[in-house]
Each structure stands twice: as C-alpha cells, then as structure tokens.
Amino acid sequence: MNTDLGSYLRQMRERVRPEQMGLRTSNSRRVPGLRREEVAALAGVSQTYYTRLEQSQTAHASPQVLLSIARALDLSLDEQDYLLKIGTPVQNPQRQTPRDDQLNPSTRMLMSSLGNVAAAVLNYRCDILAWNSLYHQLFAPHLEFGLPEDAGRRPNIIKMNFLDDNVRALYADWAAESESNVTYLRFIAGNHRHDPRLAELIGELTIQNEEFAALWCRQRVANCIEGTKPFDHPVVGELELMYQSADLQDGNILKFYHAEPDSPHEVALRLLTADLDSVHRR
C-alpha cells in the first residue's frame, strides 16, 4: 500500500519551500524543497538519525520526534495524524481484522426514513453496504439496486469514480473529486496498513488507472468528512449538494448528500425524487 515512512518523509520534504520555514535560499540550491540537514535542524534531531528514517533504515520513531518532524515539514493536522500512524508500530494488528460487513436493523430503518436525502452506508474501504433509492438514482441508476446486498459484487465508490465512466461524468469538478478520493484513501490506509483487501483495492486502481496511480504516488493525505460537491446529472442537470459522514456504532460510515433548503439545488434534488417516484408507480 506504499505507507512507508521513509518515502512519505521524502515526498513531504520536497514539497516545502525553504522560505516557508524562514530559511534563506540561493541560486546554488539543486534539490526541490528542504535539504535533509535543514529538516533535522528544524526538528531538533541529528542529521544522521533523520537520514536513517528517510532511507527506511529505521522504521519507527517516538511520537515526540514525529511531531517535531511534522512541524518542520509544515504538515496539516491530517498529514500529522497520518505520519504518527505510519511512523509508530501497529499495536496488536490481529485485532484490526475487519468485522463481517453487516448492517444492524436500526441502520436499515434509518436508511429508509431519510426522505429527500441521498444516503449510503460504507465500510472503511468505501465498499457500499447499502444505499437508499435516492443515492442509487443519484450515483448509479445503471447498476442493480440490490447490488450492495451481494458481498461478492458490492460496488466500491472510489472504484466507481475512477473506473466507471457513468459515475465519473457526474462530477462537475473532477480534478477536485479525484484528488479528494485519493487523499482520503491514503488517510484510511494509515489506519489499516495490514488489511489485504484494502491493499488489493489500491493495487487494482493503480494498475487500471494512470491518473489514480499518479495521485497515489504524491502521498497527499486528507480526511473527508463534510463539504460541498457540484454535480452534472443527466436527469436534473447541474446541482450542488452538501455531504457529511458519520461514524456508526458497528464501525461503518453513513454518508449522505443533501441540498441547501429553498435553493435551486433542492428543487433539482426533489425533481430527481419525483422522477424516482414515477418509476416506482409504473
């Protein structure tokens, strides 16, 4: 899954401009970003020790050292969290074995009662375990509605985004969507470094999609909890939806999309709901 500490440190070091950290620059500088000795000095560690970390001669470091390096590399909070995950040993990796991807009755009841909200339940790999009718109509009406019930054929939202042209065409800002998908998957990989199914997903996407492979190699990290996304839907046209994620007690994630009340986007979403109702009445 390429969650190697050394390669991540190299990528982060090379993106930092020296002037960001108050360092003087000269025309003789031949390397992008900071030099190793500069990172070591900013972090308060020896150059030899930092070099061993970056060359993967030392696989782990103390949280205190990692936090110092995070400050020296000007990492965001998500990137700092990721650095701590991949830079410290996994405690009891056997306990990270995923549960069976099952939904409890209360979650199924919630899904069916959300009305004018497009909702889906995902596991941390972004496999869709369940979706309500509006989510299905919004993202994947070309797929069978019951597909998430089939454990061997469940759709994966990130695979759909990169490998299914019907889904990819929905996003009005594909550049932002593609980067968000990959940075979120990298964030998840930090928590589940020993999951072979997650590694298989990342490997499949890397082989089948050059764009994914290039974004994955950049090693950017960001969580994806809430925000807005513009869509260009073949039925209702342009609409902008807010999205949020919520952790469920069973370890899965509830993802839902909704429109701002009394906005043209809510009207478009209601038109999609009405179109769905007309299909059900036939």
Protein backbone atom coordinates (compact mmCIF):
# COMPACT_ATOMS: atom_id res chain seq x y z
CA MET A 1 0.00 0.00 0.00
CA ASN A 2 3.05 2.28 -0.01
CA THR A 3 2.63 3.50 3.55
CA ASP A 4 6.40 3.50 4.04
CA LEU A 5 7.62 6.18 6.46
CA GLY A 6 10.78 6.96 4.51
CA SER A 7 9.09 7.60 1.17
CA TYR A 8 6.45 9.74 2.85
CA LEU A 9 9.08 11.91 4.55
CA ARG A 10 10.88 12.40 1.24
CA GLN A 11 7.69 13.48 -0.51
CA MET A 12 6.78 15.92 2.24
CA ARG A 13 10.32 17.37 2.44
CA GLU A 14 10.46 18.01 -1.29
CA ARG A 15 7.22 20.00 -1.36
CA VAL A 16 8.21 22.51 1.36
CA ARG A 17 9.73 25.75 0.10
CA PRO A 18 12.65 26.92 2.28
CA GLU A 19 11.17 30.42 2.60
CA GLN A 20 8.05 28.88 4.18
CA MET A 21 10.22 27.91 7.12
CA GLY A 22 12.14 31.18 7.27
CA LEU A 23 15.26 29.81 5.55
CA ARG A 24 17.38 31.72 3.08
CA THR A 25 17.67 30.41 -0.45
CA SER A 26 20.32 30.77 -3.14
CA ASN A 27 20.67 30.00 -6.83
CA SER A 28 23.01 27.12 -5.99
CA ARG A 29 20.20 25.06 -4.41
CA ARG A 30 19.81 21.95 -6.57
CA VAL A 31 17.19 19.95 -4.68
CA PRO A 32 13.45 20.65 -4.52
CA GLY A 33 12.14 21.65 -1.13
CA LEU A 34 14.21 21.37 2.03
CA ARG A 35 17.51 19.57 2.47
CA ARG A 36 17.69 16.71 4.94
CA GLU A 37 20.01 18.66 7.24
CA GLU A 38 17.51 21.54 7.27
CA VAL A 39 14.65 19.27 8.31
CA ALA A 40 16.83 17.73 11.02
CA ALA A 41 17.82 21.15 12.35
CA LEU A 42 14.21 22.43 12.34
CA ALA A 43 13.03 19.25 14.10
CA GLY A 44 15.85 19.25 16.65
CA VAL A 45 17.18 15.80 15.73
CA SER A 46 20.55 14.74 14.35
CA GLN A 47 21.01 14.66 10.59
CA THR A 48 22.17 11.04 10.83
CA TYR A 49 19.00 9.98 12.66
CA TYR A 50 16.70 11.81 10.24
CA THR A 51 18.55 10.32 7.26
CA ARG A 52 18.07 6.82 8.68
CA LEU A 53 14.33 7.48 8.95
CA GLU A 54 14.08 8.80 5.40
CA GLN A 55 16.13 5.92 3.99
CA SER A 56 13.90 3.43 5.85
CA GLN A 57 16.86 2.13 7.86
CA THR A 58 14.76 2.91 10.92
CA ALA A 59 11.08 2.04 10.54
CA HIS A 60 9.66 3.87 13.56
CA ALA A 61 10.25 6.84 15.83
CA SER A 62 8.77 8.15 19.05
CA PRO A 63 5.62 10.29 18.80
CA GLN A 64 7.59 13.26 20.17
CA VAL A 65 10.16 13.02 17.36
CA LEU A 66 7.45 12.55 14.73
CA LEU A 67 5.58 15.61 15.95
CA SER A 68 8.78 17.65 15.77
CA ILE A 69 9.35 16.47 12.19
CA ALA A 70 5.71 17.24 11.36
CA ARG A 71 6.23 20.84 12.48
CA ALA A 72 9.47 21.07 10.50
CA LEU A 73 7.65 19.86 7.37
CA ASP A 74 4.66 22.15 7.97
CA LEU A 75 2.21 19.24 7.87
CA SER A 76 -1.53 19.73 8.19
CA LEU A 77 -3.36 18.07 11.09
CA ASP A 78 -4.49 15.19 8.83
CA GLU A 79 -0.95 14.73 7.50
CA GLN A 80 0.45 14.84 11.04
CA ASP A 81 -2.05 12.19 12.11
CA TYR A 82 -1.04 10.02 9.15
CA LEU A 83 2.67 10.45 9.97
CA LEU A 84 2.03 9.27 13.54
CA LYS A 85 0.16 6.22 12.24
CA ILE A 86 2.79 5.04 9.79
CA GLY A 87 5.72 6.06 11.99
CA THR A 88 4.77 4.03 15.07
CA PRO A 89 4.35 0.25 15.39
CA VAL A 90 0.86 -1.20 14.99
CA GLN A 91 -0.43 -2.49 18.30
CA ASN A 92 -1.99 -5.96 18.06
CA PRO A 93 -2.57 -5.97 14.26
CA GLN A 94 -4.67 -9.13 14.64
CA ARG A 95 -7.30 -7.05 16.42
CA GLN A 96 -7.71 -4.94 13.28
CA THR A 97 -9.34 -7.81 11.42
CA PRO A 98 -12.50 -6.33 9.88
CA ARG A 99 -15.86 -7.44 11.14
CA ASP A 100 -18.35 -9.02 8.79
CA ASP A 101 -19.85 -6.21 6.70
CA GLN A 102 -23.34 -6.43 8.14
CA LEU A 103 -25.94 -3.76 8.85
CA ASN A 104 -27.97 -3.78 12.02
CA PRO A 105 -31.79 -3.33 11.80
CA SER A 106 -31.75 0.20 13.19
CA THR A 107 -29.35 1.34 10.47
CA ARG A 108 -31.56 -0.17 7.79
CA MET A 109 -34.56 1.63 9.29
CA LEU A 110 -32.63 4.92 9.29
CA MET A 111 -31.70 4.46 5.63
CA SER A 112 -35.31 4.05 4.57
CA SER A 113 -36.55 7.09 6.55
CA LEU A 114 -34.21 9.78 5.26
CA GLY A 115 -36.58 11.02 2.55
CA ASN A 116 -35.08 13.78 0.42
CA VAL A 117 -31.52 12.81 1.40
CA ALA A 118 -29.26 10.55 -0.66
CA ALA A 119 -27.66 8.15 1.82
CA ALA A 120 -25.38 5.13 1.78
CA VAL A 121 -23.58 3.01 4.35
CA LEU A 122 -19.93 2.33 3.54
CA ASN A 123 -17.24 0.32 5.25
CA TYR A 124 -13.83 1.96 5.67
CA ARG A 125 -12.71 0.56 2.29
CA CYS A 126 -15.58 2.56 0.73
CA ASP A 127 -17.49 -0.58 -0.30
CA ILE A 128 -21.18 0.31 -0.42
CA LEU A 129 -23.04 -1.96 2.01
CA ALA A 130 -26.43 -0.30 1.46
CA TRP A 131 -27.88 2.73 -0.34
CA ASN A 132 -31.30 4.27 -0.32
CA SER A 133 -33.24 4.79 -3.53
CA LEU A 134 -32.20 8.42 -3.95
CA TYR A 135 -28.48 7.68 -3.56
CA HIS A 136 -28.83 4.90 -6.11
CA GLN A 137 -30.69 7.22 -8.50
CA LEU A 138 -28.15 10.00 -7.99
CA PHE A 139 -24.97 7.96 -8.48
CA ALA A 140 -25.63 4.65 -10.17
CA PRO A 141 -29.07 4.02 -11.70
CA HIS A 142 -27.30 1.91 -14.36
CA LEU A 143 -26.46 -0.66 -11.66
CA GLU A 144 -28.85 -3.06 -9.96
CA PHE A 145 -30.39 -1.57 -6.83
CA GLY A 146 -29.74 -4.78 -4.87
CA LEU A 147 -26.04 -4.95 -5.74
CA PRO A 148 -24.79 -3.88 -2.26
CA GLU A 149 -26.55 -6.93 -0.81
CA ASP A 150 -24.24 -9.23 -2.80
CA ALA A 151 -20.98 -9.46 -0.83
CA GLY A 152 -19.06 -10.64 -3.88
CA ARG A 153 -20.23 -7.84 -6.19
CA ARG A 154 -20.63 -4.84 -3.90
CA PRO A 155 -19.81 -1.55 -5.64
CA ASN A 156 -16.93 0.48 -4.25
CA ILE A 157 -17.45 4.22 -4.57
CA ILE A 158 -13.79 5.02 -5.30
CA LYS A 159 -13.56 2.26 -7.93
CA MET A 160 -16.77 3.56 -9.47
CA ASN A 161 -15.44 7.11 -9.56
CA PHE A 162 -12.23 6.15 -11.36
CA LEU A 163 -13.29 3.16 -13.45
CA ASP A 164 -17.00 3.72 -14.26
CA ASP A 165 -17.45 6.43 -16.91
CA ASN A 166 -21.13 6.87 -15.98
CA VAL A 167 -20.24 7.79 -12.39
CA ARG A 168 -17.15 9.82 -13.22
CA ALA A 169 -19.17 12.04 -15.59
CA LEU A 170 -21.40 13.14 -12.69
CA TYR A 171 -18.70 15.29 -11.09
CA ALA A 172 -18.56 18.85 -12.39
CA ASP A 173 -15.10 19.31 -10.83
CA TRP A 174 -13.35 16.01 -11.48
CA ALA A 175 -9.89 17.35 -10.59
CA ALA A 176 -11.04 18.17 -7.05
CA GLU A 177 -13.04 14.95 -6.72
CA SER A 178 -10.22 12.68 -7.89
CA GLU A 179 -7.71 14.26 -5.51
CA SER A 180 -10.19 14.09 -2.62
CA ASN A 181 -10.76 10.37 -3.27
CA VAL A 182 -7.07 9.54 -3.24
CA THR A 183 -6.09 11.70 -0.26
CA TYR A 184 -8.94 10.15 1.73
CA LEU A 185 -7.92 6.62 0.75
CA ARG A 186 -4.36 7.42 1.82
CA PHE A 187 -5.74 8.67 5.16
CA ILE A 188 -7.65 5.40 5.61
CA ALA A 189 -4.60 3.31 4.66
CA GLY A 190 -2.74 4.76 7.63
CA ASN A 191 -5.29 3.14 9.94
CA HIS A 192 -5.39 -0.22 8.16
CA ARG A 193 -1.87 -0.98 6.97
CA HIS A 194 -2.37 -4.75 7.43
CA ASP A 195 -5.65 -5.15 5.53
CA PRO A 196 -5.00 -7.28 2.40
CA ARG A 197 -8.36 -6.36 0.85
CA LEU A 198 -7.56 -2.65 1.10
CA ALA A 199 -4.12 -3.31 -0.42
CA GLU A 200 -5.81 -5.25 -3.23
CA LEU A 201 -8.16 -2.32 -3.92
CA ILE A 202 -5.29 0.17 -4.09
CA GLY A 203 -3.27 -2.18 -6.30
CA GLU A 204 -6.17 -2.69 -8.69
CA LEU A 205 -6.77 1.05 -9.03
CA THR A 206 -3.06 1.73 -9.51
CA ILE A 207 -2.83 -0.82 -12.33
CA GLN A 208 -6.08 0.10 -14.09
CA ASN A 209 -5.99 3.90 -13.86
CA GLU A 210 -2.90 6.00 -14.54
CA GLU A 211 -4.48 9.09 -13.01
CA PHE A 212 -5.08 7.28 -9.73
CA ALA A 213 -1.53 5.92 -9.78
CA ALA A 214 -0.04 9.40 -10.24
CA LEU A 215 -2.15 10.88 -7.43
CA TRP A 216 -1.38 7.97 -5.11
CA CYS A 217 2.37 8.42 -5.61
CA ARG A 218 2.12 12.05 -4.46
CA GLN A 219 1.28 10.73 -0.95
CA ARG A 220 -1.05 13.60 -0.06
CA VAL A 221 -3.28 12.92 2.95
CA ALA A 222 -6.62 14.44 3.99
CA ASN A 223 -9.73 13.24 5.76
CA CYS A 224 -13.07 13.76 4.03
CA ILE A 225 -15.90 14.38 6.48
CA GLU A 226 -18.01 17.22 5.08
CA GLY A 227 -18.14 19.73 2.28
CA THR A 228 -19.96 20.52 -0.96
CA LYS A 229 -19.77 18.95 -4.41
CA PRO A 230 -21.06 20.20 -7.77
CA PHE A 231 -22.73 17.61 -9.97
CA ASP A 232 -23.87 17.50 -13.58
CA HIS A 233 -26.63 14.90 -13.50
CA PRO A 234 -28.04 13.51 -16.77
CA VAL A 235 -31.64 13.79 -15.47
CA VAL A 236 -31.78 17.04 -13.46
CA GLY A 237 -28.70 18.88 -14.71
CA GLU A 238 -26.45 20.98 -12.51
CA LEU A 239 -26.82 20.80 -8.74
CA GLU A 240 -24.60 21.42 -5.76
CA LEU A 241 -25.00 19.14 -2.77
CA MET A 242 -23.61 19.23 0.73
CA TYR A 243 -22.21 15.98 2.06
CA GLN A 244 -21.42 14.68 5.53
CA SER A 245 -20.07 11.47 7.03
CA ALA A 246 -20.97 9.97 10.38
CA ASP A 247 -19.38 7.01 12.14
CA LEU A 248 -21.83 4.28 13.12
CA GLN A 249 -21.52 2.07 16.20
CA ASP A 250 -20.90 -1.01 14.06
CA GLY A 251 -17.74 0.58 12.63
CA ASN A 252 -19.27 1.53 9.29
CA ILE A 253 -19.81 5.03 7.89
CA LEU A 254 -23.06 6.77 6.99
CA LYS A 255 -22.57 9.06 4.00
CA PHE A 256 -25.35 11.40 3.00
CA TYR A 257 -25.91 14.17 0.46
CA HIS A 258 -28.49 16.92 0.79
CA ALA A 259 -29.25 20.32 -0.72
CA GLU A 260 -29.49 23.71 0.95
CA PRO A 261 -33.17 24.31 1.87
CA ASP A 262 -35.15 26.51 -0.54
CA SER A 263 -32.31 26.55 -3.07
CA PRO A 264 -32.45 25.64 -6.77
CA HIS A 265 -30.35 22.62 -5.85
CA GLU A 266 -33.08 21.39 -3.51
CA VAL A 267 -35.57 21.81 -6.34
CA ALA A 268 -33.34 19.71 -8.60
CA LEU A 269 -33.00 17.02 -5.92
CA ARG A 270 -36.78 16.96 -5.47
CA LEU A 271 -37.18 16.58 -9.22
CA LEU A 272 -34.89 13.56 -9.03
CA THR A 273 -37.02 12.20 -6.17
CA ALA A 274 -40.17 12.80 -8.21
CA ASP A 275 -38.62 11.00 -11.18
CA LEU A 276 -37.81 8.11 -8.85
CA ASP A 277 -41.40 8.03 -7.55
CA SER A 278 -42.75 7.95 -11.09
CA VAL A 279 -40.53 4.94 -11.86
CA HIS A 280 -41.87 3.12 -8.79
CA ARG A 281 -45.51 3.83 -9.82
CA ARG A 282 -45.10 2.25 -13.25
